[in-house]
Amino acid sequence: MSGFVSRTGTRGILLAPVAWPVLRVFADMDSQKDVQPPKQQPMIYICGECHTENEIKARDPIRCRECGYRIMYKKRTKRLVVFDAR
C-alpha cells in the first residue's frame, strides 16, 4: 500500500491530482443541501415568422403562441459578455 507520512507522523493515502477536484465536489455537496435551486424563470424567444416575443419555460413546447411557427430565436441578452480573442 503506497502512501505518505505527514509532518505529524500519521500515515495517509497519496491521491493523484485528478482526484482532488472530485473530493472537493463531494465536500461541497454536503454544504449545499440546504440551498434551494433557483426558480425557473421563462426565457424570451422571438418567433421566426411573425417576430412576436414569447415567454417559454423549460418544459413548454417550442411554438409561437400567435402563429404556431416552430422556429424561435433567443432574445439577445443585455448583460455584458466579453470574449478573449487570442
PDB file of N, CA and C in Angstrom:
ATOM      1  N   MET A   1       0.849  -1.173   0.000  1.00  0.00           N
ATOM      2  CA  MET A   1       0.000   0.000   0.000  1.00  0.00           C
ATOM      3  C   MET A   1       0.891   1.231   0.000  1.00  0.00           C
ATOM      4  N   SER A   2       0.751   2.050  -1.034  1.00  0.00           N
ATOM      5  CA  SER A   2       1.567   3.250  -1.099  1.00  0.00           C
ATOM      6  C   SER A   2       0.887   4.366  -0.328  1.00  0.00           C
ATOM      7  N   GLY A   3       1.673   5.221   0.226  1.00  0.00           N
ATOM      8  CA  GLY A   3       1.116   6.323   1.000  1.00  0.00           C
ATOM      9  C   GLY A   3       2.206   7.314   1.323  1.00  0.00           C
ATOM     10  N   PHE A   4       1.896   8.209   2.207  1.00  0.00           N
ATOM     11  CA  PHE A   4       2.879   9.186   2.613  1.00  0.00           C
ATOM     12  C   PHE A   4       2.765   9.377   4.113  1.00  0.00           C
ATOM     13  N   VAL A   5       3.818   9.898   4.688  1.00  0.00           N
ATOM     14  CA  VAL A   5       3.816  10.191   6.118  1.00  0.00           C
ATOM     15  C   VAL A   5       3.828  11.701   6.258  1.00  0.00           C
ATOM     16  N   SER A   6       2.850  12.244   6.961  1.00  0.00           N
ATOM     17  CA  SER A   6       2.768  13.691   7.120  1.00  0.00           C
ATOM     18  C   SER A   6       3.785  14.162   8.142  1.00  0.00           C
ATOM     19  N   ARG A   7       3.857  15.454   8.358  1.00  0.00           N
ATOM     20  CA  ARG A   7       4.811  16.015   9.310  1.00  0.00           C
ATOM     21  C   ARG A   7       4.548  15.528  10.729  1.00  0.00           C
ATOM     22  N   THR A   8       3.292  15.244  11.030  1.00  0.00           N
ATOM     23  CA  THR A   8       2.972  14.777  12.376  1.00  0.00           C
ATOM     24  C   THR A   8       3.244  13.292  12.541  1.00  0.00           C
ATOM     25  N   GLY A   9       3.559  12.605  11.470  1.00  0.00           N
ATOM     26  CA  GLY A   9       3.893  11.198  11.571  1.00  0.00           C
ATOM     27  C   GLY A   9       2.739  10.264  11.252  1.00  0.00           C
ATOM     28  N   THR A  10       1.564  10.781  10.966  1.00  0.00           N
ATOM     29  CA  THR A  10       0.438   9.915  10.633  1.00  0.00           C
ATOM     30  C   THR A  10       0.520   9.513   9.178  1.00  0.00           C
ATOM     31  N   ARG A  11       0.014   8.322   8.885  1.00  0.00           N
ATOM     32  CA  ARG A  11       0.051   7.833   7.509  1.00  0.00           C
ATOM     33  C   ARG A  11      -1.230   8.228   6.790  1.00  0.00           C
ATOM     34  N   GLY A  12      -1.128   8.482   5.506  1.00  0.00           N
ATOM     35  CA  GLY A  12      -2.283   8.807   4.687  1.00  0.00           C
ATOM     36  C   GLY A  12      -2.122   8.195   3.317  1.00  0.00           C
ATOM     37  N   ILE A  13      -3.162   8.221   2.530  1.00  0.00           N
ATOM     38  CA  ILE A  13      -3.128   7.677   1.179  1.00  0.00           C
ATOM     39  C   ILE A  13      -2.763   8.804   0.230  1.00  0.00           C
ATOM     40  N   LEU A  14      -1.821   8.548  -0.646  1.00  0.00           N
ATOM     41  CA  LEU A  14      -1.393   9.539  -1.613  1.00  0.00           C
ATOM     42  C   LEU A  14      -2.393   9.560  -2.765  1.00  0.00           C
ATOM     43  N   LEU A  15      -3.022  10.700  -3.004  1.00  0.00           N
ATOM     44  CA  LEU A  15      -4.017  10.821  -4.068  1.00  0.00           C
ATOM     45  C   LEU A  15      -3.409  11.502  -5.276  1.00  0.00           C
ATOM     46  N   ALA A  16      -3.807  11.055  -6.443  1.00  0.00           N
ATOM     47  CA  ALA A  16      -3.377  11.707  -7.668  1.00  0.00           C
ATOM     48  C   ALA A  16      -4.051  13.067  -7.763  1.00  0.00           C
ATOM     49  N   PRO A  17      -3.426  14.045  -8.427  1.00  0.00           N
ATOM     50  CA  PRO A  17      -4.035  15.377  -8.538  1.00  0.00           C
ATOM     51  C   PRO A  17      -5.410  15.363  -9.190  1.00  0.00           C
ATOM     52  N   VAL A  18      -5.711  14.350 -10.002  1.00  0.00           N
ATOM     53  CA  VAL A  18      -7.013  14.274 -10.657  1.00  0.00           C
ATOM     54  C   VAL A  18      -8.119  14.047  -9.635  1.00  0.00           C
ATOM     55  N   ALA A  19      -7.825  13.355  -8.557  1.00  0.00           N
ATOM     56  CA  ALA A  19      -8.849  13.025  -7.563  1.00  0.00           C
ATOM     57  C   ALA A  19      -9.183  14.199  -6.652  1.00  0.00           C
ATOM     58  N   TRP A  20      -8.342  15.201  -6.568  1.00  0.00           N
ATOM     59  CA  TRP A  20      -8.588  16.315  -5.656  1.00  0.00           C
ATOM     60  C   TRP A  20      -9.862  17.078  -5.975  1.00  0.00           C
ATOM     61  N   PRO A  21     -10.133  17.453  -7.246  1.00  0.00           N
ATOM     62  CA  PRO A  21     -11.401  18.164  -7.507  1.00  0.00           C
ATOM     63  C   PRO A  21     -12.626  17.319  -7.189  1.00  0.00           C
ATOM     64  N   VAL A  22     -12.526  16.000  -7.378  1.00  0.00           N
ATOM     65  CA  VAL A  22     -13.660  15.122  -7.089  1.00  0.00           C
ATOM     66  C   VAL A  22     -13.965  15.155  -5.605  1.00  0.00           C
ATOM     67  N   LEU A  23     -12.937  15.098  -4.777  1.00  0.00           N
ATOM     68  CA  LEU A  23     -13.147  15.161  -3.334  1.00  0.00           C
ATOM     69  C   LEU A  23     -13.740  16.501  -2.930  1.00  0.00           C
ATOM     70  N   ARG A  24     -13.316  17.576  -3.581  1.00  0.00           N
ATOM     71  CA  ARG A  24     -13.857  18.899  -3.272  1.00  0.00           C
ATOM     72  C   ARG A  24     -15.342  18.963  -3.625  1.00  0.00           C
ATOM     73  N   VAL A  25     -15.737  18.321  -4.719  1.00  0.00           N
ATOM     74  CA  VAL A  25     -17.148  18.308  -5.116  1.00  0.00           C
ATOM     75  C   VAL A  25     -17.981  17.601  -4.062  1.00  0.00           C
ATOM     76  N   PHE A  26     -17.498  16.445  -3.575  1.00  0.00           N
ATOM     77  CA  PHE A  26     -18.243  15.716  -2.555  1.00  0.00           C
ATOM     78  C   PHE A  26     -18.306  16.496  -1.248  1.00  0.00           C
ATOM     79  N   ALA A  27     -17.261  17.220  -0.914  1.00  0.00           N
ATOM     80  CA  ALA A  27     -17.269  18.022   0.310  1.00  0.00           C
ATOM     81  C   ALA A  27     -18.249  19.181   0.176  1.00  0.00           C
ATOM     82  N   ASP A  28     -18.335  19.783  -1.018  1.00  0.00           N
ATOM     83  CA  ASP A  28     -19.249  20.905  -1.236  1.00  0.00           C
ATOM     84  C   ASP A  28     -20.700  20.462  -1.297  1.00  0.00           C
ATOM     85  N   MET A  29     -20.956  19.199  -1.688  1.00  0.00           N
ATOM     86  CA  MET A  29     -22.338  18.734  -1.803  1.00  0.00           C
ATOM     87  C   MET A  29     -23.029  18.725  -0.446  1.00  0.00           C
ATOM     88  N   ASP A  30     -22.306  18.384   0.602  1.00  0.00           N
ATOM     89  CA  ASP A  30     -22.911  18.356   1.930  1.00  0.00           C
ATOM     90  C   ASP A  30     -23.321  19.749   2.386  1.00  0.00           C
ATOM     91  N   SER A  31     -22.526  20.752   2.046  1.00  0.00           N
ATOM     92  CA  SER A  31     -22.843  22.107   2.488  1.00  0.00           C
ATOM     93  C   SER A  31     -23.951  22.737   1.648  1.00  0.00           C
ATOM     94  N   GLN A  32     -24.253  22.175   0.470  1.00  0.00           N
ATOM     95  CA  GLN A  32     -25.259  22.767  -0.401  1.00  0.00           C
ATOM     96  C   GLN A  32     -26.615  22.091  -0.292  1.00  0.00           C
ATOM     97  N   LYS A  33     -26.806  21.194   0.662  1.00  0.00           N
ATOM     98  CA  LYS A  33     -28.093  20.516   0.786  1.00  0.00           C
ATOM     99  C   LYS A  33     -29.198  21.475   1.190  1.00  0.00           C
ATOM    100  N   ASP A  34     -28.865  22.493   1.986  1.00  0.00           N
ATOM    101  CA  ASP A  34     -29.868  23.435   2.461  1.00  0.00           C
ATOM    102  C   ASP A  34     -30.213  24.493   1.419  1.00  0.00           C
ATOM    103  N   VAL A  35     -29.386  24.644   0.395  1.00  0.00           N
ATOM    104  CA  VAL A  35     -29.609  25.669  -0.620  1.00  0.00           C
ATOM    105  C   VAL A  35     -30.667  25.184  -1.596  1.00  0.00           C
ATOM    106  N   GLN A  36     -31.685  25.997  -1.837  1.00  0.00           N
ATOM    107  CA  GLN A  36     -32.737  25.633  -2.777  1.00  0.00           C
ATOM    108  C   GLN A  36     -32.330  26.058  -4.182  1.00  0.00           C
ATOM    109  N   PRO A  37     -32.721  25.284  -5.211  1.00  0.00           N
ATOM    110  CA  PRO A  37     -32.377  25.664  -6.578  1.00  0.00           C
ATOM    111  C   PRO A  37     -33.126  26.928  -6.979  1.00  0.00           C
ATOM    112  N   PRO A  38     -32.541  27.726  -7.888  1.00  0.00           N
ATOM    113  CA  PRO A  38     -33.228  28.945  -8.308  1.00  0.00           C
ATOM    114  C   PRO A  38     -34.509  28.612  -9.061  1.00  0.00           C
ATOM    115  N   LYS A  39     -35.508  29.466  -8.924  1.00  0.00           N
ATOM    116  CA  LYS A  39     -36.780  29.229  -9.605  1.00  0.00           C
ATOM    117  C   LYS A  39     -36.590  29.406 -11.106  1.00  0.00           C
ATOM    118  N   GLN A  40     -37.273  28.563 -11.860  1.00  0.00           N
ATOM    119  CA  GLN A  40     -37.147  28.633 -13.307  1.00  0.00           C
ATOM    120  C   GLN A  40     -37.935  29.826 -13.813  1.00  0.00           C
ATOM    121  N   GLN A  41     -37.224  30.754 -14.397  1.00  0.00           N
ATOM    122  CA  GLN A  41     -37.897  31.893 -14.979  1.00  0.00           C
ATOM    123  C   GLN A  41     -37.951  31.698 -16.493  1.00  0.00           C
ATOM    124  N   PRO A  42     -39.014  32.132 -17.109  1.00  0.00           N
ATOM    125  CA  PRO A  42     -39.138  31.913 -18.555  1.00  0.00           C
ATOM    126  C   PRO A  42     -38.135  32.753 -19.337  1.00  0.00           C
ATOM    127  N   MET A  43     -37.665  32.197 -20.438  1.00  0.00           N
ATOM    128  CA  MET A  43     -36.783  32.923 -21.343  1.00  0.00           C
ATOM    129  C   MET A  43     -37.641  33.536 -22.437  1.00  0.00           C
ATOM    130  N   ILE A  44     -37.172  34.621 -22.993  1.00  0.00           N
ATOM    131  CA  ILE A  44     -37.913  35.295 -24.059  1.00  0.00           C
ATOM    132  C   ILE A  44     -37.317  34.877 -25.401  1.00  0.00           C
ATOM    133  N   TYR A  45     -38.186  34.352 -26.263  1.00  0.00           N
ATOM    134  CA  TYR A  45     -37.800  33.944 -27.608  1.00  0.00           C
ATOM    135  C   TYR A  45     -38.616  34.745 -28.611  1.00  0.00           C
ATOM    136  N   ILE A  46     -38.035  34.985 -29.779  1.00  0.00           N
ATOM    137  CA  ILE A  46     -38.701  35.738 -30.842  1.00  0.00           C
ATOM    138  C   ILE A  46     -39.054  34.770 -31.961  1.00  0.00           C
ATOM    139  N   CYS A  47     -40.293  34.840 -32.415  1.00  0.00           N
ATOM    140  CA  CYS A  47     -40.772  33.963 -33.474  1.00  0.00           C
ATOM    141  C   CYS A  47     -40.064  34.296 -34.783  1.00  0.00           C
ATOM    142  N   GLY A  48     -39.710  33.270 -35.551  1.00  0.00           N
ATOM    143  CA  GLY A  48     -39.045  33.471 -36.826  1.00  0.00           C
ATOM    144  C   GLY A  48     -39.985  33.903 -37.935  1.00  0.00           C
ATOM    145  N   GLU A  49     -41.286  33.756 -37.746  1.00  0.00           N
ATOM    146  CA  GLU A  49     -42.268  34.099 -38.779  1.00  0.00           C
ATOM    147  C   GLU A  49     -42.921  35.455 -38.515  1.00  0.00           C
ATOM    148  N   CYS A  50     -43.555  35.610 -37.350  1.00  0.00           N
ATOM    149  CA  CYS A  50     -44.313  36.847 -37.083  1.00  0.00           C
ATOM    150  C   CYS A  50     -43.562  37.821 -36.170  1.00  0.00           C
ATOM    151  N   HIS A  51     -42.376  37.443 -35.676  1.00  0.00           N
ATOM    152  CA  HIS A  51     -41.492  38.297 -34.873  1.00  0.00           C
ATOM    153  C   HIS A  51     -42.111  38.781 -33.564  1.00  0.00           C
ATOM    154  N   THR A  52     -43.014  38.011 -32.978  1.00  0.00           N
ATOM    155  CA  THR A  52     -43.553  38.375 -31.673  1.00  0.00           C
ATOM    156  C   THR A  52     -42.696  37.732 -30.587  1.00  0.00           C
ATOM    157  N   GLU A  53     -42.664  38.375 -29.416  1.00  0.00           N
ATOM    158  CA  GLU A  53     -41.904  37.851 -28.289  1.00  0.00           C
ATOM    159  C   GLU A  53     -42.758  36.846 -27.526  1.00  0.00           C
ATOM    160  N   ASN A  54     -42.170  35.689 -27.204  1.00  0.00           N
ATOM    161  CA  ASN A  54     -42.852  34.628 -26.472  1.00  0.00           C
ATOM    162  C   ASN A  54     -42.030  34.267 -25.249  1.00  0.00           C
ATOM    163  N   GLU A  55     -42.690  34.113 -24.111  1.00  0.00           N
ATOM    164  CA  GLU A  55     -42.014  33.630 -22.913  1.00  0.00           C
ATOM    165  C   GLU A  55     -42.182  32.115 -22.865  1.00  0.00           C
ATOM    166  N   ILE A  56     -41.069  31.398 -22.884  1.00  0.00           N
ATOM    167  CA  ILE A  56     -41.109  29.943 -22.899  1.00  0.00           C
ATOM    168  C   ILE A  56     -40.331  29.426 -21.701  1.00  0.00           C
ATOM    169  N   LYS A  57     -40.960  28.537 -20.936  1.00  0.00           N
ATOM    170  CA  LYS A  57     -40.308  27.921 -19.779  1.00  0.00           C
ATOM    171  C   LYS A  57     -39.590  26.651 -20.224  1.00  0.00           C
ATOM    172  N   ALA A  58     -38.949  25.982 -19.280  1.00  0.00           N
ATOM    173  CA  ALA A  58     -38.093  24.835 -19.601  1.00  0.00           C
ATOM    174  C   ALA A  58     -38.853  23.697 -20.266  1.00  0.00           C
ATOM    175  N   ARG A  59     -40.047  23.362 -19.817  1.00  0.00           N
ATOM    176  CA  ARG A  59     -40.779  22.207 -20.350  1.00  0.00           C
ATOM    177  C   ARG A  59     -41.893  22.593 -21.321  1.00  0.00           C
ATOM    178  N   ASP A  60     -41.998  23.862 -21.689  1.00  0.00           N
ATOM    179  CA  ASP A  60     -43.020  24.292 -22.645  1.00  0.00           C
ATOM    180  C   ASP A  60     -42.639  23.863 -24.056  1.00  0.00           C
ATOM    181  N   PRO A  61     -43.627  23.617 -24.915  1.00  0.00           N
ATOM    182  CA  PRO A  61     -43.304  23.297 -26.315  1.00  0.00           C
ATOM    183  C   PRO A  61     -42.731  24.522 -27.024  1.00  0.00           C
ATOM    184  N   ILE A  62     -41.796  24.272 -27.940  1.00  0.00           N
ATOM    185  CA  ILE A  62     -41.183  25.354 -28.708  1.00  0.00           C
ATOM    186  C   ILE A  62     -42.121  25.682 -29.855  1.00  0.00           C
ATOM    187  N   ARG A  63     -43.007  26.628 -29.624  1.00  0.00           N
ATOM    188  CA  ARG A  63     -44.005  27.007 -30.615  1.00  0.00           C
ATOM    189  C   ARG A  63     -44.485  28.418 -30.320  1.00  0.00           C
ATOM    190  N   CYS A  64     -44.653  29.221 -31.368  1.00  0.00           N
ATOM    191  CA  CYS A  64     -45.148  30.588 -31.211  1.00  0.00           C
ATOM    192  C   CYS A  64     -46.602  30.555 -30.758  1.00  0.00           C
ATOM    193  N   ARG A  65     -46.941  31.398 -29.811  1.00  0.00           N
ATOM    194  CA  ARG A  65     -48.309  31.436 -29.300  1.00  0.00           C
ATOM    195  C   ARG A  65     -49.248  32.203 -30.231  1.00  0.00           C
ATOM    196  N   GLU A  66     -48.694  32.977 -31.153  1.00  0.00           N
ATOM    197  CA  GLU A  66     -49.521  33.747 -32.090  1.00  0.00           C
ATOM    198  C   GLU A  66     -49.814  32.965 -33.373  1.00  0.00           C
ATOM    199  N   CYS A  67     -48.753  32.473 -34.025  1.00  0.00           N
ATOM    200  CA  CYS A  67     -48.949  31.846 -35.335  1.00  0.00           C
ATOM    201  C   CYS A  67     -48.657  30.346 -35.351  1.00  0.00           C
ATOM    202  N   GLY A  68     -48.049  29.791 -34.299  1.00  0.00           N
ATOM    203  CA  GLY A  68     -47.765  28.361 -34.259  1.00  0.00           C
ATOM    204  C   GLY A  68     -46.460  27.954 -34.919  1.00  0.00           C
ATOM    205  N   TYR A  69     -45.685  28.911 -35.379  1.00  0.00           N
ATOM    206  CA  TYR A  69     -44.410  28.623 -36.038  1.00  0.00           C
ATOM    207  C   TYR A  69     -43.445  28.010 -35.029  1.00  0.00           C
ATOM    208  N   ARG A  70     -42.610  27.065 -35.470  1.00  0.00           N
ATOM    209  CA  ARG A  70     -41.761  26.327 -34.538  1.00  0.00           C
ATOM    210  C   ARG A  70     -40.306  26.773 -34.520  1.00  0.00           C
ATOM    211  N   ILE A  71     -39.928  27.728 -35.304  1.00  0.00           N
ATOM    212  CA  ILE A  71     -38.551  28.227 -35.278  1.00  0.00           C
ATOM    213  C   ILE A  71     -38.529  29.493 -34.436  1.00  0.00           C
ATOM    214  N   MET A  72     -37.802  29.418 -33.305  1.00  0.00           N
ATOM    215  CA  MET A  72     -37.740  30.531 -32.365  1.00  0.00           C
ATOM    216  C   MET A  72     -36.284  30.953 -32.205  1.00  0.00           C
ATOM    217  N   TYR A  73     -36.070  32.231 -31.994  1.00  0.00           N
ATOM    218  CA  TYR A  73     -34.735  32.778 -31.785  1.00  0.00           C
ATOM    219  C   TYR A  73     -34.655  33.364 -30.384  1.00  0.00           C
ATOM    220  N   LYS A  74     -33.576  33.058 -29.688  1.00  0.00           N
ATOM    221  CA  LYS A  74     -33.416  33.554 -28.328  1.00  0.00           C
ATOM    222  C   LYS A  74     -33.094  35.045 -28.371  1.00  0.00           C
ATOM    223  N   LYS A  75     -33.758  35.796 -27.511  1.00  0.00           N
ATOM    224  CA  LYS A  75     -33.544  37.238 -27.472  1.00  0.00           C
ATOM    225  C   LYS A  75     -32.151  37.526 -26.927  1.00  0.00           C
ATOM    226  N   ARG A  76     -31.510  38.513 -27.489  1.00  0.00           N
ATOM    227  CA  ARG A  76     -30.157  38.863 -27.084  1.00  0.00           C
ATOM    228  C   ARG A  76     -30.140  39.391 -25.653  1.00  0.00           C
ATOM    229  N   THR A  77     -29.124  38.986 -24.899  1.00  0.00           N
ATOM    230  CA  THR A  77     -29.023  39.403 -23.510  1.00  0.00           C
ATOM    231  C   THR A  77     -28.540  40.844 -23.401  1.00  0.00           C
ATOM    232  N   LYS A  78     -28.946  41.507 -22.339  1.00  0.00           N
ATOM    233  CA  LYS A  78     -28.479  42.866 -22.079  1.00  0.00           C
ATOM    234  C   LYS A  78     -27.246  42.855 -21.178  1.00  0.00           C
ATOM    235  N   ARG A  79     -26.889  41.667 -20.676  1.00  0.00           N
ATOM    236  CA  ARG A  79     -25.718  41.519 -19.827  1.00  0.00           C
ATOM    237  C   ARG A  79     -24.453  41.628 -20.667  1.00  0.00           C
ATOM    238  N   LEU A  80     -23.413  42.219 -20.106  1.00  0.00           N
ATOM    239  CA  LEU A  80     -22.147  42.378 -20.795  1.00  0.00           C
ATOM    240  C   LEU A  80     -21.473  41.022 -20.962  1.00  0.00           C
ATOM    241  N   VAL A  81     -21.145  40.678 -22.192  1.00  0.00           N
ATOM    242  CA  VAL A  81     -20.471  39.421 -22.489  1.00  0.00           C
ATOM    243  C   VAL A  81     -19.152  39.755 -23.164  1.00  0.00           C
ATOM    244  N   VAL A  82     -18.046  39.261 -22.590  1.00  0.00           N
ATOM    245  CA  VAL A  82     -16.717  39.568 -23.104  1.00  0.00           C
ATOM    246  C   VAL A  82     -16.023  38.262 -23.468  1.00  0.00           C
ATOM    247  N   PHE A  83     -15.455  38.195 -24.657  1.00  0.00           N
ATOM    248  CA  PHE A  83     -14.713  37.028 -25.106  1.00  0.00           C
ATOM    249  C   PHE A  83     -13.253  37.412 -25.288  1.00  0.00           C
ATOM    250  N   ASP A  84     -12.353  36.521 -24.903  1.00  0.00           N
ATOM    251  CA  ASP A  84     -10.928  36.736 -25.119  1.00  0.00           C
ATOM    252  C   ASP A  84     -10.548  36.152 -26.471  1.00  0.00           C
ATOM    253  N   ALA A  85     -10.003  36.978 -27.348  1.00  0.00           N
ATOM    254  CA  ALA A  85      -9.547  36.516 -28.660  1.00  0.00           C
ATOM    255  C   ALA A  85      -8.026  36.449 -28.635  1.00  0.00           C
ATOM    256  N   ARG A  86      -7.511  35.293 -28.948  1.00  0.00           N
ATOM    257  CA  ARG A  86      -6.050  35.125 -28.935  1.00  0.00           C
ATOM    258  C   ARG A  86      -5.570  34.613 -30.250  1.00  0.00           C
TER     259      ARG A  86
END
